[in-house]
Amino acid sequence: MIRRAIKEDADRILELLVEVCNVHAKLRADLFVAGGTKYNKEELYKIMEDDNKPVFVCINDKGILAGYAFCVVNEVKGDNLVSHKNLYIDDICVSSECRREHVGTKLYEHVIAFAKSIGCYNVTLNVWEGNDAARKFYENCGMKVQKTVLETVI
């Protein structure tokens, strides 16, 4: 079952945020601190209440919150841009103990359906270089590269 996150989900979501942070810290220890989260509980509550920042959770057959998808709805406007609505997947996580249950696919498909239902033109996300499993998953879902961000560490 996939639904919007509620306050009672916060502790489990915070646990999963640590898992995501640890993946990123392995890839980029110069940018991420292992064991951290990007939100505290109060920040998470505020996000959950914001209709422009829906958080979806997947509850598996055992009743466990197996994964989440943090989303952000954006109105894209500009003098040289075609105005449109975009849904950005800010963060998606499947618990390490719930892998191979198709949780990620279910969350992704739910996000796509939600984006369509609110009139979005596209769904975007970022994948850190080196996170090959995530990149392969998204490519298998049909996502294509939109742009590439390059860096020079100084």
N, C-alpha and C. Protein backbone atom coordinates (compact mmCIF):
# COMPACT_ATOMS: atom_id res chain seq x y z
N MET A 1 0.85 -1.18 0.00
CA MET A 1 0.00 0.00 0.00
C MET A 1 0.90 1.24 0.00
N ILE A 2 0.52 2.20 -0.82
CA ILE A 2 1.24 3.47 -0.85
C ILE A 2 0.27 4.57 -0.48
N ARG A 3 0.73 5.46 0.40
CA ARG A 3 -0.10 6.56 0.88
C ARG A 3 0.80 7.74 1.24
N ARG A 4 0.17 8.88 1.52
CA ARG A 4 0.91 10.03 2.03
C ARG A 4 1.42 9.70 3.43
N ALA A 5 2.58 10.20 3.74
CA ALA A 5 3.16 10.01 5.06
C ALA A 5 2.36 10.77 6.11
N ILE A 6 2.32 10.21 7.30
CA ILE A 6 1.66 10.85 8.45
C ILE A 6 2.68 10.94 9.59
N LYS A 7 2.35 11.73 10.61
CA LYS A 7 3.29 11.96 11.71
C LYS A 7 3.78 10.66 12.35
N GLU A 8 2.92 9.67 12.43
CA GLU A 8 3.31 8.40 13.04
C GLU A 8 4.40 7.68 12.25
N ASP A 9 4.63 8.08 11.01
CA ASP A 9 5.67 7.47 10.18
C ASP A 9 7.04 8.10 10.40
N ALA A 10 7.09 9.20 11.13
CA ALA A 10 8.31 10.01 11.20
C ALA A 10 9.53 9.25 11.70
N ASP A 11 9.39 8.48 12.76
CA ASP A 11 10.56 7.78 13.31
C ASP A 11 11.15 6.81 12.28
N ARG A 12 10.29 6.07 11.60
CA ARG A 12 10.79 5.12 10.59
C ARG A 12 11.40 5.86 9.41
N ILE A 13 10.79 6.94 8.98
CA ILE A 13 11.36 7.73 7.87
C ILE A 13 12.73 8.25 8.27
N LEU A 14 12.88 8.72 9.49
CA LEU A 14 14.18 9.20 9.95
C LEU A 14 15.23 8.08 9.92
N GLU A 15 14.83 6.86 10.28
CA GLU A 15 15.76 5.72 10.17
C GLU A 15 16.21 5.52 8.73
N LEU A 16 15.26 5.61 7.80
CA LEU A 16 15.59 5.41 6.39
C LEU A 16 16.43 6.56 5.83
N LEU A 17 16.20 7.77 6.34
CA LEU A 17 17.03 8.90 5.93
C LEU A 17 18.50 8.66 6.30
N VAL A 18 18.73 8.00 7.42
CA VAL A 18 20.11 7.65 7.80
C VAL A 18 20.69 6.66 6.78
N GLU A 19 19.90 5.69 6.35
CA GLU A 19 20.37 4.74 5.33
C GLU A 19 20.80 5.48 4.06
N VAL A 20 19.98 6.43 3.62
CA VAL A 20 20.31 7.19 2.41
C VAL A 20 21.59 8.00 2.63
N CYS A 21 21.67 8.65 3.77
CA CYS A 21 22.86 9.44 4.07
C CYS A 21 24.11 8.56 4.05
N ASN A 22 24.02 7.37 4.58
CA ASN A 22 25.17 6.47 4.61
C ASN A 22 25.60 6.04 3.21
N VAL A 23 24.63 5.83 2.33
CA VAL A 23 24.96 5.51 0.93
C VAL A 23 25.73 6.68 0.31
N HIS A 24 25.22 7.88 0.53
CA HIS A 24 25.88 9.06 -0.03
C HIS A 24 27.25 9.30 0.61
N ALA A 25 27.37 9.03 1.91
CA ALA A 25 28.65 9.22 2.59
C ALA A 25 29.71 8.25 2.06
N LYS A 26 29.29 7.04 1.67
CA LYS A 26 30.25 6.10 1.06
C LYS A 26 30.75 6.63 -0.28
N LEU A 27 29.82 7.23 -1.04
CA LEU A 27 30.18 7.75 -2.35
C LEU A 27 30.98 9.05 -2.25
N ARG A 28 30.56 9.93 -1.34
CA ARG A 28 31.14 11.26 -1.25
C ARG A 28 31.36 11.66 0.21
N ALA A 29 32.37 11.04 0.83
CA ALA A 29 32.68 11.37 2.22
C ALA A 29 33.13 12.82 2.37
N ASP A 30 33.50 13.45 1.26
CA ASP A 30 33.89 14.87 1.30
C ASP A 30 32.67 15.79 1.44
N LEU A 31 31.47 15.26 1.21
CA LEU A 31 30.26 16.08 1.26
C LEU A 31 29.24 15.60 2.30
N PHE A 32 29.20 14.30 2.59
CA PHE A 32 28.17 13.74 3.47
C PHE A 32 28.80 13.13 4.71
N VAL A 33 28.14 13.31 5.85
CA VAL A 33 28.58 12.74 7.12
C VAL A 33 27.72 11.51 7.40
N ALA A 34 28.35 10.36 7.52
CA ALA A 34 27.62 9.12 7.79
C ALA A 34 26.83 9.24 9.09
N GLY A 35 25.65 8.63 9.09
CA GLY A 35 24.82 8.60 10.28
C GLY A 35 23.90 9.79 10.45
N GLY A 36 23.97 10.73 9.52
CA GLY A 36 23.14 11.93 9.64
C GLY A 36 21.82 11.80 8.91
N THR A 37 21.00 12.81 9.08
CA THR A 37 19.77 12.94 8.31
C THR A 37 19.67 14.38 7.85
N LYS A 38 18.96 14.60 6.77
CA LYS A 38 18.84 15.97 6.29
C LYS A 38 17.68 16.72 6.92
N TYR A 39 16.86 16.03 7.71
CA TYR A 39 15.75 16.67 8.42
C TYR A 39 15.70 16.15 9.84
N ASN A 40 15.24 17.00 10.75
CA ASN A 40 14.89 16.51 12.08
C ASN A 40 13.38 16.25 12.09
N LYS A 41 12.86 15.77 13.22
CA LYS A 41 11.45 15.38 13.27
C LYS A 41 10.52 16.56 13.02
N GLU A 42 10.82 17.71 13.59
CA GLU A 42 9.96 18.89 13.39
C GLU A 42 9.97 19.34 11.93
N GLU A 43 11.13 19.34 11.30
CA GLU A 43 11.21 19.68 9.87
C GLU A 43 10.42 18.68 9.04
N LEU A 44 10.51 17.43 9.40
CA LEU A 44 9.78 16.38 8.70
C LEU A 44 8.28 16.59 8.82
N TYR A 45 7.79 16.95 10.01
CA TYR A 45 6.37 17.23 10.19
C TYR A 45 5.91 18.37 9.28
N LYS A 46 6.70 19.42 9.19
CA LYS A 46 6.34 20.57 8.33
C LYS A 46 6.28 20.15 6.86
N ILE A 47 7.24 19.34 6.44
CA ILE A 47 7.25 18.87 5.06
C ILE A 47 5.98 18.05 4.79
N MET A 48 5.63 17.17 5.70
CA MET A 48 4.46 16.30 5.52
C MET A 48 3.16 17.10 5.39
N GLU A 49 3.12 18.27 5.98
CA GLU A 49 1.91 19.11 5.93
C GLU A 49 1.84 19.95 4.66
N ASP A 50 2.91 20.04 3.90
CA ASP A 50 3.00 20.91 2.73
C ASP A 50 2.56 20.15 1.48
N ASP A 51 1.45 20.57 0.88
CA ASP A 51 0.95 19.88 -0.32
C ASP A 51 1.88 20.03 -1.52
N ASN A 52 2.79 20.99 -1.49
CA ASN A 52 3.77 21.12 -2.56
C ASN A 52 5.00 20.26 -2.32
N LYS A 53 5.03 19.55 -1.19
CA LYS A 53 6.14 18.66 -0.87
C LYS A 53 5.61 17.32 -0.38
N PRO A 54 4.83 16.62 -1.20
CA PRO A 54 4.25 15.36 -0.73
C PRO A 54 5.33 14.30 -0.45
N VAL A 55 5.11 13.57 0.61
CA VAL A 55 5.96 12.43 0.96
C VAL A 55 5.07 11.20 0.91
N PHE A 56 5.46 10.25 0.10
CA PHE A 56 4.72 9.00 -0.04
C PHE A 56 5.49 7.88 0.65
N VAL A 57 4.77 6.99 1.30
CA VAL A 57 5.39 5.84 1.94
C VAL A 57 4.76 4.56 1.40
N CYS A 58 5.56 3.51 1.39
CA CYS A 58 5.08 2.19 0.98
C CYS A 58 5.08 1.29 2.22
N ILE A 59 3.92 0.75 2.52
CA ILE A 59 3.77 -0.20 3.62
C ILE A 59 3.69 -1.59 2.98
N ASN A 60 4.62 -2.46 3.32
CA ASN A 60 4.66 -3.77 2.66
C ASN A 60 3.63 -4.72 3.28
N ASP A 61 3.60 -5.94 2.77
CA ASP A 61 2.61 -6.94 3.21
C ASP A 61 2.75 -7.30 4.69
N LYS A 62 3.92 -7.04 5.27
CA LYS A 62 4.15 -7.34 6.69
C LYS A 62 3.80 -6.15 7.58
N GLY A 63 3.30 -5.07 6.98
CA GLY A 63 2.95 -3.88 7.74
C GLY A 63 4.11 -2.97 8.07
N ILE A 64 5.24 -3.20 7.41
CA ILE A 64 6.46 -2.42 7.65
C ILE A 64 6.54 -1.28 6.65
N LEU A 65 6.89 -0.08 7.13
CA LEU A 65 7.16 1.03 6.23
C LEU A 65 8.47 0.70 5.52
N ALA A 66 8.35 0.28 4.27
CA ALA A 66 9.47 -0.28 3.52
C ALA A 66 10.23 0.74 2.69
N GLY A 67 9.64 1.90 2.46
CA GLY A 67 10.31 2.91 1.65
C GLY A 67 9.51 4.18 1.60
N TYR A 68 10.14 5.21 1.08
CA TYR A 68 9.48 6.52 0.94
C TYR A 68 9.95 7.22 -0.32
N ALA A 69 9.19 8.22 -0.71
CA ALA A 69 9.57 9.13 -1.79
C ALA A 69 9.21 10.55 -1.36
N PHE A 70 10.22 11.40 -1.23
CA PHE A 70 10.03 12.82 -0.96
C PHE A 70 9.93 13.52 -2.30
N CYS A 71 8.90 14.31 -2.50
CA CYS A 71 8.68 14.99 -3.78
C CYS A 71 8.52 16.49 -3.56
N VAL A 72 8.78 17.24 -4.61
CA VAL A 72 8.58 18.69 -4.59
C VAL A 72 7.90 19.07 -5.90
N VAL A 73 6.76 19.76 -5.80
CA VAL A 73 6.05 20.24 -6.98
C VAL A 73 6.54 21.66 -7.28
N ASN A 74 7.01 21.86 -8.50
CA ASN A 74 7.56 23.16 -8.92
C ASN A 74 6.78 23.72 -10.11
N GLU A 75 6.59 25.02 -10.11
CA GLU A 75 6.08 25.73 -11.28
C GLU A 75 7.29 26.32 -11.97
N VAL A 76 7.59 25.87 -13.18
CA VAL A 76 8.75 26.35 -13.92
C VAL A 76 8.30 27.49 -14.82
N LYS A 77 8.92 28.66 -14.64
CA LYS A 77 8.59 29.84 -15.43
C LYS A 77 9.87 30.61 -15.71
N GLY A 78 9.87 31.36 -16.76
CA GLY A 78 11.01 32.19 -17.09
C GLY A 78 10.86 32.77 -18.47
N ASP A 79 11.63 33.81 -18.75
CA ASP A 79 11.54 34.47 -20.05
C ASP A 79 11.91 33.55 -21.20
N ASN A 80 12.82 32.62 -20.97
CA ASN A 80 13.26 31.74 -22.05
C ASN A 80 12.84 30.28 -21.85
N LEU A 81 11.91 30.05 -20.90
CA LEU A 81 11.43 28.70 -20.63
C LEU A 81 9.94 28.58 -20.91
N VAL A 82 9.54 27.44 -21.40
CA VAL A 82 8.12 27.15 -21.54
C VAL A 82 7.60 26.88 -20.13
N SER A 83 6.58 27.59 -19.72
CA SER A 83 6.02 27.40 -18.39
C SER A 83 5.41 26.00 -18.28
N HIS A 84 5.71 25.35 -17.18
CA HIS A 84 5.15 24.01 -16.94
C HIS A 84 5.28 23.66 -15.46
N LYS A 85 4.58 22.60 -15.08
CA LYS A 85 4.66 22.08 -13.72
C LYS A 85 5.56 20.85 -13.75
N ASN A 86 6.43 20.75 -12.76
CA ASN A 86 7.39 19.66 -12.65
C ASN A 86 7.26 19.03 -11.28
N LEU A 87 7.42 17.72 -11.22
CA LEU A 87 7.52 17.04 -9.94
C LEU A 87 8.95 16.53 -9.82
N TYR A 88 9.65 17.01 -8.80
CA TYR A 88 11.02 16.62 -8.53
C TYR A 88 11.02 15.60 -7.40
N ILE A 89 11.64 14.46 -7.64
CA ILE A 89 11.81 13.46 -6.58
C ILE A 89 13.09 13.85 -5.84
N ASP A 90 12.90 14.41 -4.66
CA ASP A 90 14.03 14.89 -3.87
C ASP A 90 14.79 13.75 -3.23
N ASP A 91 14.09 12.70 -2.88
CA ASP A 91 14.73 11.60 -2.18
C ASP A 91 13.81 10.39 -2.29
N ILE A 92 14.39 9.25 -2.57
CA ILE A 92 13.64 8.01 -2.58
C ILE A 92 14.49 6.96 -1.91
N CYS A 93 13.87 6.15 -1.08
CA CYS A 93 14.63 5.14 -0.35
C CYS A 93 13.78 3.89 -0.18
N VAL A 94 14.43 2.76 -0.35
CA VAL A 94 13.84 1.46 0.00
C VAL A 94 14.73 0.88 1.08
N SER A 95 14.12 0.49 2.18
CA SER A 95 14.85 -0.09 3.30
C SER A 95 15.71 -1.26 2.83
N SER A 96 16.92 -1.35 3.36
CA SER A 96 17.82 -2.43 2.96
C SER A 96 17.21 -3.80 3.23
N GLU A 97 16.37 -3.92 4.26
CA GLU A 97 15.77 -5.23 4.56
C GLU A 97 14.54 -5.53 3.70
N CYS A 98 14.11 -4.57 2.90
CA CYS A 98 12.92 -4.78 2.06
C CYS A 98 13.24 -4.75 0.57
N ARG A 99 14.51 -4.86 0.24
CA ARG A 99 14.88 -4.87 -1.17
C ARG A 99 14.35 -6.14 -1.83
N ARG A 100 14.14 -6.08 -3.11
CA ARG A 100 13.63 -7.20 -3.92
C ARG A 100 12.15 -7.45 -3.70
N GLU A 101 11.45 -6.51 -3.06
CA GLU A 101 10.00 -6.60 -2.90
C GLU A 101 9.28 -5.66 -3.87
N HIS A 102 10.01 -5.06 -4.78
CA HIS A 102 9.48 -4.12 -5.78
C HIS A 102 8.93 -2.84 -5.16
N VAL A 103 9.42 -2.52 -3.97
CA VAL A 103 8.98 -1.31 -3.29
C VAL A 103 9.34 -0.07 -4.10
N GLY A 104 10.57 -0.01 -4.60
CA GLY A 104 11.01 1.13 -5.39
C GLY A 104 10.16 1.34 -6.63
N THR A 105 9.85 0.26 -7.31
CA THR A 105 9.02 0.34 -8.51
C THR A 105 7.62 0.84 -8.17
N LYS A 106 7.06 0.32 -7.10
CA LYS A 106 5.71 0.75 -6.68
C LYS A 106 5.71 2.24 -6.31
N LEU A 107 6.72 2.68 -5.57
CA LEU A 107 6.81 4.09 -5.22
C LEU A 107 6.96 4.96 -6.47
N TYR A 108 7.86 4.56 -7.36
CA TYR A 108 8.10 5.33 -8.57
C TYR A 108 6.81 5.42 -9.41
N GLU A 109 6.13 4.31 -9.60
CA GLU A 109 4.89 4.31 -10.39
C GLU A 109 3.83 5.19 -9.73
N HIS A 110 3.77 5.17 -8.40
CA HIS A 110 2.81 6.02 -7.68
C HIS A 110 3.14 7.50 -7.90
N VAL A 111 4.41 7.83 -7.82
CA VAL A 111 4.83 9.22 -8.04
C VAL A 111 4.48 9.67 -9.45
N ILE A 112 4.71 8.82 -10.44
CA ILE A 112 4.37 9.16 -11.83
C ILE A 112 2.87 9.39 -11.96
N ALA A 113 2.07 8.51 -11.39
CA ALA A 113 0.62 8.66 -11.46
C ALA A 113 0.17 9.94 -10.75
N PHE A 114 0.76 10.24 -9.60
CA PHE A 114 0.43 11.47 -8.89
C PHE A 114 0.79 12.68 -9.74
N ALA A 115 1.97 12.67 -10.33
CA ALA A 115 2.41 13.80 -11.16
C ALA A 115 1.44 14.02 -12.33
N LYS A 116 1.03 12.95 -12.96
CA LYS A 116 0.05 13.07 -14.05
C LYS A 116 -1.26 13.65 -13.53
N SER A 117 -1.69 13.21 -12.36
CA SER A 117 -2.98 13.64 -11.83
C SER A 117 -3.02 15.13 -11.50
N ILE A 118 -1.86 15.73 -11.24
CA ILE A 118 -1.83 17.17 -10.93
C ILE A 118 -1.33 18.00 -12.11
N GLY A 119 -1.21 17.37 -13.28
CA GLY A 119 -0.88 18.11 -14.49
C GLY A 119 0.58 18.42 -14.71
N CYS A 120 1.47 17.60 -14.17
CA CYS A 120 2.90 17.83 -14.38
C CYS A 120 3.30 17.44 -15.80
N TYR A 121 4.27 18.19 -16.33
CA TYR A 121 4.85 17.88 -17.63
C TYR A 121 5.89 16.76 -17.50
N ASN A 122 6.68 16.82 -16.39
CA ASN A 122 7.74 15.83 -16.24
C ASN A 122 8.03 15.56 -14.77
N VAL A 123 8.79 14.49 -14.56
CA VAL A 123 9.29 14.12 -13.24
C VAL A 123 10.81 14.05 -13.37
N THR A 124 11.50 14.70 -12.44
CA THR A 124 12.96 14.73 -12.48
C THR A 124 13.53 14.31 -11.13
N LEU A 125 14.81 13.97 -11.14
CA LEU A 125 15.53 13.65 -9.92
C LEU A 125 17.02 13.73 -10.21
N ASN A 126 17.82 13.68 -9.17
CA ASN A 126 19.27 13.64 -9.29
C ASN A 126 19.78 12.31 -8.75
N VAL A 127 20.82 11.79 -9.38
CA VAL A 127 21.49 10.58 -8.89
C VAL A 127 22.97 10.93 -8.77
N TRP A 128 23.54 10.65 -7.61
CA TRP A 128 24.95 10.92 -7.41
C TRP A 128 25.79 9.97 -8.27
N GLU A 129 26.82 10.50 -8.87
CA GLU A 129 27.74 9.69 -9.66
C GLU A 129 28.32 8.60 -8.76
N GLY A 130 28.35 7.39 -9.27
CA GLY A 130 28.84 6.26 -8.49
C GLY A 130 27.72 5.45 -7.87
N ASN A 131 26.52 6.00 -7.81
CA ASN A 131 25.37 5.26 -7.27
C ASN A 131 24.75 4.48 -8.44
N ASP A 132 25.52 3.52 -8.92
CA ASP A 132 25.16 2.80 -10.14
C ASP A 132 23.86 2.01 -10.01
N ALA A 133 23.59 1.46 -8.85
CA ALA A 133 22.35 0.69 -8.67
C ALA A 133 21.13 1.60 -8.81
N ALA A 134 21.19 2.79 -8.21
CA ALA A 134 20.07 3.73 -8.33
C ALA A 134 19.91 4.18 -9.77
N ARG A 135 21.02 4.51 -10.41
CA ARG A 135 20.94 4.97 -11.80
C ARG A 135 20.32 3.88 -12.69
N LYS A 136 20.76 2.65 -12.52
CA LYS A 136 20.21 1.55 -13.32
C LYS A 136 18.72 1.37 -13.06
N PHE A 137 18.33 1.47 -11.78
CA PHE A 137 16.91 1.35 -11.44
C PHE A 137 16.09 2.40 -12.19
N TYR A 138 16.51 3.66 -12.13
CA TYR A 138 15.75 4.74 -12.78
C TYR A 138 15.75 4.59 -14.30
N GLU A 139 16.86 4.18 -14.86
CA GLU A 139 16.89 3.94 -16.31
C GLU A 139 15.94 2.80 -16.68
N ASN A 140 15.87 1.76 -15.86
CA ASN A 140 14.93 0.65 -16.10
C ASN A 140 13.48 1.10 -15.99
N CYS A 141 13.25 2.17 -15.23
CA CYS A 141 11.91 2.75 -15.12
C CYS A 141 11.57 3.63 -16.33
N GLY A 142 12.55 3.87 -17.18
CA GLY A 142 12.32 4.67 -18.38
C GLY A 142 12.86 6.08 -18.32
N MET A 143 13.53 6.44 -17.23
CA MET A 143 14.08 7.79 -17.13
C MET A 143 15.30 7.92 -18.04
N LYS A 144 15.49 9.14 -18.53
CA LYS A 144 16.62 9.46 -19.40
C LYS A 144 17.35 10.67 -18.83
N VAL A 145 18.60 10.81 -19.19
CA VAL A 145 19.39 11.96 -18.73
C VAL A 145 18.81 13.23 -19.33
N GLN A 146 18.53 14.22 -18.47
CA GLN A 146 18.04 15.52 -18.90
C GLN A 146 19.20 16.51 -18.99
N LYS A 147 20.06 16.51 -17.99
CA LYS A 147 21.24 17.37 -17.98
C LYS A 147 22.27 16.74 -17.08
N THR A 148 23.50 17.20 -17.18
CA THR A 148 24.58 16.69 -16.38
C THR A 148 25.18 17.84 -15.58
N VAL A 149 25.41 17.63 -14.30
CA VAL A 149 26.06 18.62 -13.45
C VAL A 149 27.52 18.21 -13.28
N LEU A 150 28.42 19.10 -13.57
CA LEU A 150 29.86 18.84 -13.43
C LEU A 150 30.40 19.66 -12.28
N GLU A 151 31.53 19.24 -11.74
CA GLU A 151 32.14 19.98 -10.65
C GLU A 151 33.65 19.95 -10.75
N THR A 152 34.28 20.91 -10.11
CA THR A 152 35.70 20.91 -9.82
C THR A 152 35.83 21.12 -8.32
N VAL A 153 36.41 20.16 -7.62
CA VAL A 153 36.65 20.32 -6.19
C VAL A 153 37.93 21.12 -6.03
N ILE A 154 37.85 22.19 -5.25
CA ILE A 154 39.03 23.07 -5.10
C ILE A 154 39.52 23.12 -3.66
